[in-house]
């Protein structure tokens, strides 16, 4: 029988921006974390005091075996900034420990697909996870805080409420017509202020309409959000002009 998650030892592969952030929050929850970095990388030259236990490896079978990973008990996170290193770590671990549980961090849908093919049991797409967190928080507080830190403090991403103005070219449009994805934005929810601020959770399978006066809760980078605000302005778009 597996011990509860908070009692399982963690091996964290990667100690760049993502790895350091995740490590900090895991340690704040008093978790036992062994950090594993690629031998010869900049992270391998980091003073050992930055992490309780740090291993430098070449990802060979013998090196990985020396780490003392228990594939049936321990948790493994792969969080290199470079997806190539993450892929190599997953492939090496999966070849040696077919039954091991691997969680990987990804910064794009395309990389998420590659990491799953490589053998990651779960892939956390940082930008999609941000949307999920706002609506239904995960049960791992340390992981939540790490993702928040990577996205909002380091990634320049923010969450805002944008009201659809009267006579906006967006008024009455279906969500698919607005195409938030191509604008680098994630629509989390819609607030209907005419119905006592009823929160409408967006669902990709439902192509609902949006109307003037409603609030759009959106995640994106400041420059993308500003461009979207400008596109919504009735002054910038004659009636009938596409959003």
Protein backbone atom coordinates (compact mmCIF):
# COMPACT_ATOMS: atom_id res chain seq x y z
CA UNK A 1 0.00 0.00 0.00
CA UNK A 2 1.38 3.40 -1.00
CA UNK A 3 1.98 5.98 1.74
CA UNK A 4 -0.03 9.21 1.45
CA UNK A 5 1.45 11.76 -1.03
CA UNK A 6 2.75 14.03 1.72
CA UNK A 7 4.89 11.17 3.09
CA UNK A 8 6.37 9.99 -0.20
CA UNK A 9 9.92 10.93 -1.10
CA UNK A 10 10.26 13.19 -4.12
CA UNK A 11 12.96 13.16 -6.78
CA UNK A 12 12.99 16.45 -8.66
CA UNK A 13 14.79 16.34 -12.01
CA UNK A 14 15.80 19.85 -13.03
CA UNK A 15 16.95 22.85 -11.03
CA UNK A 16 16.49 25.70 -13.49
CA UNK A 17 13.70 28.28 -13.17
CA UNK A 18 10.86 25.74 -13.03
CA UNK A 19 12.73 23.26 -10.86
CA UNK A 20 13.91 25.84 -8.33
CA UNK A 21 10.43 27.29 -8.00
CA UNK A 22 8.85 23.88 -7.51
CA UNK A 23 11.57 22.89 -5.03
CA UNK A 24 11.03 26.02 -2.93
CA UNK A 25 7.32 25.37 -2.53
CA UNK A 26 7.70 21.66 -1.90
CA UNK A 27 10.23 22.40 0.84
CA UNK A 28 7.87 24.94 2.36
CA UNK A 29 5.52 22.01 2.89
CA UNK A 30 8.34 20.10 4.65
CA UNK A 31 8.64 17.52 1.89
CA UNK A 32 11.74 15.36 1.46
CA UNK A 33 13.13 16.34 -1.96
CA UNK A 34 16.22 15.01 -3.73
CA UNK A 35 17.26 17.23 -6.65
CA UNK A 36 18.76 15.61 -9.75
CA UNK A 37 20.56 17.68 -12.39
CA UNK A 38 22.44 16.87 -15.57
CA UNK A 39 26.16 16.51 -14.95
CA UNK A 40 28.07 19.40 -16.50
CA UNK A 41 25.08 21.76 -16.54
CA UNK A 42 25.08 25.17 -14.88
CA UNK A 43 22.76 23.79 -12.20
CA UNK A 44 25.29 21.10 -11.29
CA UNK A 45 27.70 23.86 -10.28
CA UNK A 46 25.16 25.34 -7.87
CA UNK A 47 26.34 25.29 -4.24
CA UNK A 48 24.86 22.28 -2.45
CA UNK A 49 23.30 24.54 0.18
CA UNK A 50 20.69 25.54 -2.44
CA UNK A 51 19.14 22.10 -2.05
CA UNK A 52 19.23 19.61 0.82
CA UNK A 53 20.36 16.77 -1.44
CA UNK A 54 21.62 17.25 -4.99
CA UNK A 55 22.78 14.60 -7.44
CA UNK A 56 24.54 15.23 -10.76
CA UNK A 57 23.92 12.47 -13.28
CA UNK A 58 24.55 11.57 -16.90
CA UNK A 59 21.19 9.71 -16.99
CA UNK A 60 22.92 6.41 -17.67
CA UNK A 61 21.43 3.27 -16.18
CA UNK A 62 24.17 2.96 -13.58
CA UNK A 63 23.90 6.63 -12.55
CA UNK A 64 20.13 6.45 -12.17
CA UNK A 65 20.34 3.26 -10.13
CA UNK A 66 22.72 4.97 -7.71
CA UNK A 67 20.00 7.50 -6.85
CA UNK A 68 18.14 4.83 -4.90
CA UNK A 69 14.75 5.54 -6.43
CA UNK A 70 11.98 3.20 -5.30
CA UNK A 71 9.69 3.15 -8.36
CA UNK A 72 6.75 1.82 -6.36
CA UNK A 73 6.98 4.35 -3.53
CA UNK A 74 8.71 7.55 -4.66
CA UNK A 75 7.34 10.43 -6.73
CA UNK A 76 9.32 11.85 -9.65
CA UNK A 77 8.93 15.35 -11.08
CA UNK A 78 10.68 16.34 -14.31
CA UNK A 79 10.90 20.12 -14.49
CA UNK A 80 13.80 21.19 -16.68
CA UNK A 81 13.36 24.49 -18.50
CA UNK A 82 14.65 22.82 -21.67
CA UNK A 83 12.10 20.30 -22.93
CA UNK A 84 14.91 18.24 -24.50
CA UNK A 85 16.38 17.55 -21.06
CA UNK A 86 12.93 16.71 -19.71
CA UNK A 87 12.29 14.27 -22.56
CA UNK A 88 15.66 12.59 -22.09
CA UNK A 89 15.10 12.22 -18.34
CA UNK A 90 11.64 10.70 -18.84
CA UNK A 91 12.83 8.25 -21.49
CA UNK A 92 15.78 7.16 -19.33
CA UNK A 93 13.64 6.73 -16.21
CA UNK A 94 10.86 4.89 -18.02
CA UNK A 95 13.32 2.47 -19.62
CA UNK A 96 14.82 1.64 -16.22
CA UNK A 97 11.64 1.77 -14.12
CA UNK A 98 8.61 0.82 -16.28
CA UNK A 99 6.23 1.15 -13.32
CA UNK A 100 7.47 4.51 -12.01
CA UNK A 101 5.12 7.49 -11.65
CA UNK A 102 6.46 10.54 -13.50
CA UNK A 103 4.95 14.03 -13.43
CA UNK A 104 6.34 16.54 -15.94
CA UNK A 105 5.97 20.30 -16.34
CA UNK A 106 5.37 21.70 -19.82
CA UNK A 107 5.07 25.19 -21.27
CA UNK A 108 3.04 24.36 -24.39
CA UNK A 109 0.47 21.92 -25.72
CA UNK A 110 2.92 20.58 -28.30
CA UNK A 111 5.54 19.85 -25.64
CA UNK A 112 2.87 18.24 -23.45
CA UNK A 113 2.07 15.81 -26.26
CA UNK A 114 5.75 14.91 -26.65
CA UNK A 115 6.20 14.35 -22.91
CA UNK A 116 3.20 12.02 -22.76
CA UNK A 117 4.54 10.00 -25.67
CA UNK A 118 7.91 9.79 -23.89
CA UNK A 119 6.25 8.20 -20.86
CA UNK A 120 5.15 10.90 -18.42
CA UNK A 121 2.18 9.63 -16.44
CA UNK A 122 0.92 13.15 -15.94
CA UNK A 123 1.88 16.35 -17.74
CA UNK A 124 1.08 19.73 -16.21
CA UNK A 125 0.69 22.33 -18.94
CA UNK A 126 1.44 25.51 -17.01
CA UNK A 127 -0.91 27.74 -18.98
CA UNK A 128 -3.84 25.33 -19.08
CA UNK A 129 -3.32 24.52 -15.41
CA UNK A 130 -3.64 28.20 -14.58
CA UNK A 131 -7.17 28.16 -15.94
CA UNK A 132 -8.06 24.98 -14.08
CA UNK A 133 -6.74 26.36 -10.80
CA UNK A 134 -8.92 29.44 -10.92
CA UNK A 135 -12.04 27.32 -11.12
CA UNK A 136 -11.14 24.19 -9.15
CA UNK A 137 -7.96 24.18 -7.07
CA UNK A 138 -5.81 21.06 -7.03
CA UNK A 139 -5.31 19.14 -3.80
CA UNK A 140 -1.56 19.78 -3.74
CA UNK A 141 -0.99 23.26 -2.23
CA UNK A 142 2.76 23.28 -2.89
CA UNK A 143 2.28 22.51 -6.57
CA UNK A 144 -0.41 25.20 -6.83
CA UNK A 145 1.87 27.84 -5.39
CA UNK A 146 4.75 26.79 -7.62
CA UNK A 147 2.63 27.07 -10.77
CA UNK A 148 1.33 30.46 -9.63
CA UNK A 149 4.90 31.62 -9.05
CA UNK A 150 6.17 30.43 -12.43
CA UNK A 151 3.24 31.87 -14.35
CA UNK A 152 2.27 35.08 -12.67
CA UNK A 153 5.48 36.35 -11.10
CA UNK A 154 8.03 35.06 -13.58
CA UNK A 155 6.04 34.56 -16.77
CA UNK A 156 4.47 38.02 -17.01
CA UNK A 157 0.98 36.51 -17.09
CA UNK A 158 -1.97 38.08 -15.29
CA UNK A 159 -5.69 37.52 -14.80
CA UNK A 160 -8.09 40.38 -15.53
CA UNK A 161 -11.79 41.14 -15.88
CA UNK A 162 -12.75 42.89 -19.12
CA UNK A 163 -16.28 44.20 -19.64
CA UNK A 164 -17.76 44.02 -23.13
CA UNK A 165 -18.80 47.60 -23.97
CA UNK A 166 -22.02 48.61 -25.71
CA UNK A 167 -21.79 48.44 -29.52
CA UNK A 168 -18.63 46.36 -29.26
CA UNK A 169 -18.00 44.16 -32.32
CA UNK A 170 -17.86 41.31 -29.78
CA UNK A 171 -21.47 41.86 -28.63
CA UNK A 172 -23.57 38.82 -29.55
CA UNK A 173 -20.63 36.85 -30.96
CA UNK A 174 -20.07 33.14 -30.39
CA UNK A 175 -16.89 32.28 -28.49
CA UNK A 176 -15.45 30.46 -31.51
CA UNK A 177 -15.75 33.68 -33.54
CA UNK A 178 -13.62 35.57 -31.02
CA UNK A 179 -10.90 32.86 -31.00
CA UNK A 180 -9.08 33.65 -27.75
CA UNK A 181 -6.42 31.01 -28.39
CA UNK A 182 -5.03 32.73 -31.49
CA UNK A 183 -4.73 35.93 -29.45
CA UNK A 184 -2.60 34.22 -26.79
CA UNK A 185 -5.42 34.39 -24.23
CA UNK A 186 -7.30 31.91 -22.05
CA UNK A 187 -10.96 32.62 -21.25
CA UNK A 188 -11.73 31.29 -17.78
CA UNK A 189 -15.30 32.37 -17.23
CA UNK A 190 -18.02 34.88 -18.06
CA UNK A 191 -19.79 36.96 -15.42
CA UNK A 192 -23.36 37.97 -16.31
CA UNK A 193 -23.85 41.16 -14.29
CA UNK A 194 -27.55 41.34 -15.21
CA UNK A 195 -28.17 38.10 -13.29
CA UNK A 196 -26.66 39.07 -9.93
CA UNK A 197 -23.13 38.46 -11.21
CA UNK A 198 -23.82 34.85 -12.16
CA UNK A 199 -20.57 33.10 -13.04
CA UNK A 200 -20.70 31.09 -16.26
CA UNK A 201 -17.91 28.54 -16.51
CA UNK A 202 -16.70 28.26 -20.08
CA UNK A 203 -16.68 24.84 -21.68
CA UNK A 204 -14.92 24.13 -24.96
CA UNK A 205 -17.80 21.92 -26.03
CA UNK A 206 -20.36 24.74 -25.67
CA UNK A 207 -20.10 27.58 -28.18
CA UNK A 208 -22.07 30.16 -26.22
CA UNK A 209 -22.63 33.80 -27.12
CA UNK A 210 -21.35 36.78 -25.16
CA UNK A 211 -23.11 40.12 -24.81
CA UNK A 212 -22.41 43.73 -23.90
CA UNK A 213 -22.24 44.27 -20.15
CA UNK A 214 -20.83 40.83 -19.40
CA UNK A 215 -17.41 40.46 -17.81
CA UNK A 216 -14.83 38.19 -19.40
CA UNK A 217 -12.32 36.69 -16.94
CA UNK A 218 -9.18 36.19 -18.99
CA UNK A 219 -5.57 35.10 -18.48
CA UNK A 220 -2.83 36.44 -20.73
CA UNK A 221 0.22 38.61 -21.06
CA UNK A 222 -0.27 42.35 -20.62
CA UNK A 223 0.45 43.23 -24.24
CA UNK A 224 -2.03 40.61 -25.53
CA UNK A 225 -4.68 41.76 -23.06
CA UNK A 226 -4.22 45.38 -24.10
CA UNK A 227 -4.59 44.51 -27.79
CA UNK A 228 -7.77 42.61 -26.99
CA UNK A 229 -9.21 45.59 -25.08
CA UNK A 230 -8.55 47.78 -28.10
CA UNK A 231 -10.26 45.28 -30.42
CA UNK A 232 -13.37 45.37 -28.22
CA UNK A 233 -13.71 49.14 -28.42
CA UNK A 234 -16.67 50.28 -30.56
CA UNK A 235 -14.71 53.43 -31.47
CA UNK A 236 -12.00 51.35 -33.10
CA UNK A 237 -14.38 49.18 -35.13
CA UNK A 238 -17.26 50.23 -37.36
CA UNK A 239 -20.40 48.15 -36.87
CA UNK A 240 -20.18 44.84 -38.63
CA UNK A 241 -16.39 44.77 -38.73
CA UNK A 242 -15.04 41.41 -37.46
CA UNK A 243 -13.42 41.14 -34.05
